[in-house]
């Protein structure tokens, strides 16, 4: 899941070298923290949150296959 999200997000942002994704997995839940350059936060969120919602939907599909809940956070630096 981490590889997929990194691929998608680095394609969107202007500073792909600053993209950091941390994945914490427990028995019931997967927590993903996405950190990007401050200038790129708006691009990841998108107009009205459409981009981040689409990213969450894709990750949700993979989490459902693992039978786990998913939480994605965009961490501001």
N, C-alpha and C. Protein backbone atom coordinates (compact mmCIF):
# COMPACT_ATOMS: atom_id res chain seq x y z
N UNK A 1 0.83 -1.18 0.00
CA UNK A 1 0.00 0.00 0.00
C UNK A 1 0.88 1.25 0.00
N UNK A 2 1.96 1.19 0.76
CA UNK A 2 2.86 2.33 0.86
C UNK A 2 3.46 2.69 -0.51
N UNK A 3 3.81 1.67 -1.29
CA UNK A 3 4.40 1.91 -2.61
C UNK A 3 3.40 2.58 -3.55
N UNK A 4 2.15 2.13 -3.51
CA UNK A 4 1.11 2.71 -4.36
C UNK A 4 0.90 4.18 -4.02
N UNK A 5 0.76 4.48 -2.73
CA UNK A 5 0.53 5.86 -2.32
C UNK A 5 1.72 6.75 -2.66
N UNK A 6 2.92 6.25 -2.48
CA UNK A 6 4.11 7.04 -2.80
C UNK A 6 4.15 7.34 -4.30
N UNK A 7 3.81 6.35 -5.12
CA UNK A 7 3.79 6.54 -6.57
C UNK A 7 2.78 7.61 -6.97
N UNK A 8 1.59 7.55 -6.41
CA UNK A 8 0.53 8.50 -6.76
C UNK A 8 0.90 9.91 -6.30
N UNK A 9 1.34 10.04 -5.08
CA UNK A 9 1.59 11.36 -4.51
C UNK A 9 2.81 12.02 -5.14
N UNK A 10 3.87 11.26 -5.42
CA UNK A 10 5.03 11.87 -6.06
C UNK A 10 4.72 12.35 -7.47
N UNK A 11 3.73 11.75 -8.11
CA UNK A 11 3.33 12.20 -9.44
C UNK A 11 2.55 13.52 -9.39
N UNK A 12 1.95 13.81 -8.26
CA UNK A 12 1.11 15.00 -8.12
C UNK A 12 1.91 16.23 -7.72
N UNK A 13 2.89 16.07 -6.83
CA UNK A 13 3.56 17.20 -6.19
C UNK A 13 4.72 17.75 -7.01
N UNK A 14 5.16 18.97 -6.66
CA UNK A 14 6.30 19.60 -7.30
C UNK A 14 7.62 19.22 -6.64
N UNK A 15 7.57 18.80 -5.38
CA UNK A 15 8.77 18.43 -4.62
C UNK A 15 8.67 16.96 -4.21
N UNK A 16 8.87 16.03 -5.15
CA UNK A 16 8.70 14.61 -4.82
C UNK A 16 9.72 14.09 -3.81
N UNK A 17 10.85 14.76 -3.69
CA UNK A 17 11.87 14.32 -2.74
C UNK A 17 11.45 14.54 -1.29
N UNK A 18 10.47 15.39 -1.06
CA UNK A 18 10.00 15.68 0.30
C UNK A 18 8.82 14.82 0.73
N UNK A 19 8.38 13.91 -0.10
CA UNK A 19 7.24 13.05 0.24
C UNK A 19 7.71 11.95 1.18
N UNK A 20 7.04 11.86 2.33
CA UNK A 20 7.34 10.81 3.31
C UNK A 20 6.04 10.14 3.71
N UNK A 21 6.04 8.82 3.68
CA UNK A 21 4.84 8.07 4.04
C UNK A 21 5.21 7.07 5.13
N UNK A 22 4.51 7.16 6.24
CA UNK A 22 4.72 6.23 7.35
C UNK A 22 3.47 5.36 7.49
N UNK A 23 3.68 4.07 7.64
CA UNK A 23 2.57 3.13 7.77
C UNK A 23 2.69 2.38 9.08
N UNK A 24 1.66 2.46 9.90
CA UNK A 24 1.60 1.72 11.16
C UNK A 24 0.42 0.78 11.08
N UNK A 25 0.70 -0.50 11.25
CA UNK A 25 -0.36 -1.51 11.11
C UNK A 25 -0.53 -2.26 12.43
N UNK A 26 -1.77 -2.31 12.89
CA UNK A 26 -2.12 -3.11 14.06
C UNK A 26 -3.02 -4.24 13.59
N UNK A 27 -3.56 -4.99 14.54
CA UNK A 27 -4.42 -6.11 14.17
C UNK A 27 -5.72 -5.65 13.53
N UNK A 28 -6.22 -4.48 13.92
CA UNK A 28 -7.52 -4.01 13.42
C UNK A 28 -7.43 -2.84 12.45
N UNK A 29 -6.32 -2.10 12.46
CA UNK A 29 -6.30 -0.84 11.74
C UNK A 29 -4.96 -0.59 11.06
N UNK A 30 -5.02 0.17 9.97
CA UNK A 30 -3.82 0.65 9.28
C UNK A 30 -3.85 2.17 9.36
N UNK A 31 -2.79 2.76 9.89
CA UNK A 31 -2.67 4.21 9.99
C UNK A 31 -1.56 4.64 9.05
N UNK A 32 -1.89 5.54 8.14
CA UNK A 32 -0.91 6.05 7.18
C UNK A 32 -0.79 7.55 7.38
N UNK A 33 0.45 8.01 7.58
CA UNK A 33 0.73 9.44 7.72
C UNK A 33 1.52 9.89 6.51
N UNK A 34 0.96 10.88 5.81
CA UNK A 34 1.59 11.40 4.61
C UNK A 34 2.12 12.80 4.92
N UNK A 35 3.39 13.00 4.63
CA UNK A 35 4.03 14.29 4.85
C UNK A 35 4.58 14.78 3.52
N UNK A 36 4.23 16.01 3.15
CA UNK A 36 4.71 16.61 1.90
C UNK A 36 5.26 18.00 2.18
N UNK A 37 5.90 18.56 1.18
CA UNK A 37 6.41 19.94 1.27
C UNK A 37 5.21 20.87 1.50
N UNK A 38 5.37 21.91 2.32
CA UNK A 38 4.22 22.81 2.61
C UNK A 38 3.55 23.40 1.37
N UNK A 39 4.31 23.64 0.32
CA UNK A 39 3.72 24.19 -0.91
C UNK A 39 2.85 23.17 -1.64
N UNK A 40 3.10 21.89 -1.41
CA UNK A 40 2.38 20.83 -2.12
C UNK A 40 1.15 20.32 -1.39
N UNK A 41 0.91 20.79 -0.18
CA UNK A 41 -0.23 20.29 0.59
C UNK A 41 -1.54 20.55 -0.15
N UNK A 42 -1.67 21.71 -0.75
CA UNK A 42 -2.88 22.04 -1.50
C UNK A 42 -3.10 21.14 -2.70
N UNK A 43 -2.02 20.72 -3.34
CA UNK A 43 -2.14 19.83 -4.49
C UNK A 43 -2.59 18.45 -4.08
N UNK A 44 -2.14 17.98 -2.92
CA UNK A 44 -2.53 16.66 -2.44
C UNK A 44 -3.99 16.68 -1.99
N UNK A 45 -4.41 17.78 -1.37
CA UNK A 45 -5.80 17.89 -0.91
C UNK A 45 -6.73 18.08 -2.10
N UNK A 46 -6.37 18.95 -3.01
CA UNK A 46 -7.19 19.18 -4.19
C UNK A 46 -8.35 20.12 -3.91
N UNK A 47 -9.00 20.55 -4.96
CA UNK A 47 -10.12 21.48 -4.83
C UNK A 47 -11.30 20.76 -4.18
N UNK A 48 -11.69 21.25 -3.03
CA UNK A 48 -12.79 20.64 -2.30
C UNK A 48 -12.43 19.29 -1.69
N UNK A 49 -11.14 18.97 -1.64
CA UNK A 49 -10.72 17.70 -1.06
C UNK A 49 -10.87 16.51 -1.98
N UNK A 50 -11.04 16.75 -3.27
CA UNK A 50 -11.30 15.66 -4.20
C UNK A 50 -10.11 14.72 -4.37
N UNK A 51 -8.90 15.24 -4.40
CA UNK A 51 -7.72 14.40 -4.62
C UNK A 51 -7.48 13.49 -3.43
N UNK A 52 -7.49 14.04 -2.21
CA UNK A 52 -7.25 13.22 -1.03
C UNK A 52 -8.36 12.19 -0.83
N UNK A 53 -9.58 12.54 -1.20
CA UNK A 53 -10.68 11.58 -1.11
C UNK A 53 -10.46 10.41 -2.07
N UNK A 54 -9.98 10.70 -3.27
CA UNK A 54 -9.72 9.65 -4.24
C UNK A 54 -8.58 8.75 -3.77
N UNK A 55 -7.55 9.35 -3.18
CA UNK A 55 -6.43 8.58 -2.64
C UNK A 55 -6.93 7.68 -1.52
N UNK A 56 -7.79 8.20 -0.67
CA UNK A 56 -8.34 7.40 0.43
C UNK A 56 -9.18 6.23 -0.09
N UNK A 57 -9.93 6.47 -1.16
CA UNK A 57 -10.75 5.39 -1.73
C UNK A 57 -9.88 4.24 -2.25
N UNK A 58 -8.80 4.58 -2.93
CA UNK A 58 -7.90 3.55 -3.44
C UNK A 58 -7.27 2.76 -2.29
N UNK A 59 -6.82 3.47 -1.27
CA UNK A 59 -6.20 2.80 -0.13
C UNK A 59 -7.23 1.97 0.64
N UNK A 60 -8.47 2.45 0.69
CA UNK A 60 -9.53 1.73 1.38
C UNK A 60 -9.78 0.36 0.76
N UNK A 61 -9.66 0.29 -0.56
CA UNK A 61 -9.86 -0.98 -1.26
C UNK A 61 -8.81 -1.99 -0.81
N UNK A 62 -7.57 -1.56 -0.72
CA UNK A 62 -6.51 -2.46 -0.28
C UNK A 62 -6.68 -2.85 1.19
N UNK A 63 -7.11 -1.91 2.02
CA UNK A 63 -7.32 -2.21 3.44
C UNK A 63 -8.48 -3.19 3.62
N UNK A 64 -9.50 -3.05 2.81
CA UNK A 64 -10.64 -3.96 2.89
C UNK A 64 -10.23 -5.39 2.55
N UNK A 65 -9.33 -5.53 1.60
CA UNK A 65 -8.85 -6.87 1.24
C UNK A 65 -8.12 -7.50 2.42
N UNK A 66 -7.46 -6.66 3.23
CA UNK A 66 -6.77 -7.16 4.43
C UNK A 66 -7.69 -7.26 5.63
N UNK A 67 -8.95 -6.86 5.45
CA UNK A 67 -9.97 -6.86 6.51
C UNK A 67 -9.56 -5.99 7.69
N UNK A 68 -9.13 -4.76 7.34
CA UNK A 68 -8.71 -3.80 8.37
C UNK A 68 -9.32 -2.44 8.07
N UNK A 69 -9.44 -1.63 9.13
CA UNK A 69 -9.89 -0.26 8.95
C UNK A 69 -8.70 0.58 8.52
N UNK A 70 -9.00 1.71 7.90
CA UNK A 70 -7.95 2.57 7.35
C UNK A 70 -8.13 3.98 7.84
N UNK A 71 -7.02 4.62 8.17
CA UNK A 71 -7.02 6.03 8.53
C UNK A 71 -5.81 6.67 7.85
N UNK A 72 -6.07 7.69 7.02
CA UNK A 72 -4.99 8.40 6.34
C UNK A 72 -4.97 9.83 6.85
N UNK A 73 -3.78 10.28 7.28
CA UNK A 73 -3.61 11.64 7.78
C UNK A 73 -2.60 12.36 6.90
N UNK A 74 -2.89 13.60 6.57
CA UNK A 74 -1.94 14.46 5.88
C UNK A 74 -1.29 15.32 6.94
N UNK A 75 -0.03 15.07 7.24
CA UNK A 75 0.68 15.75 8.32
C UNK A 75 1.33 17.00 7.77
N UNK A 76 1.07 18.12 8.39
CA UNK A 76 1.68 19.38 7.97
C UNK A 76 2.98 19.58 8.75
N UNK A 77 4.01 20.03 8.02
CA UNK A 77 5.30 20.27 8.67
C UNK A 77 5.55 21.74 8.86
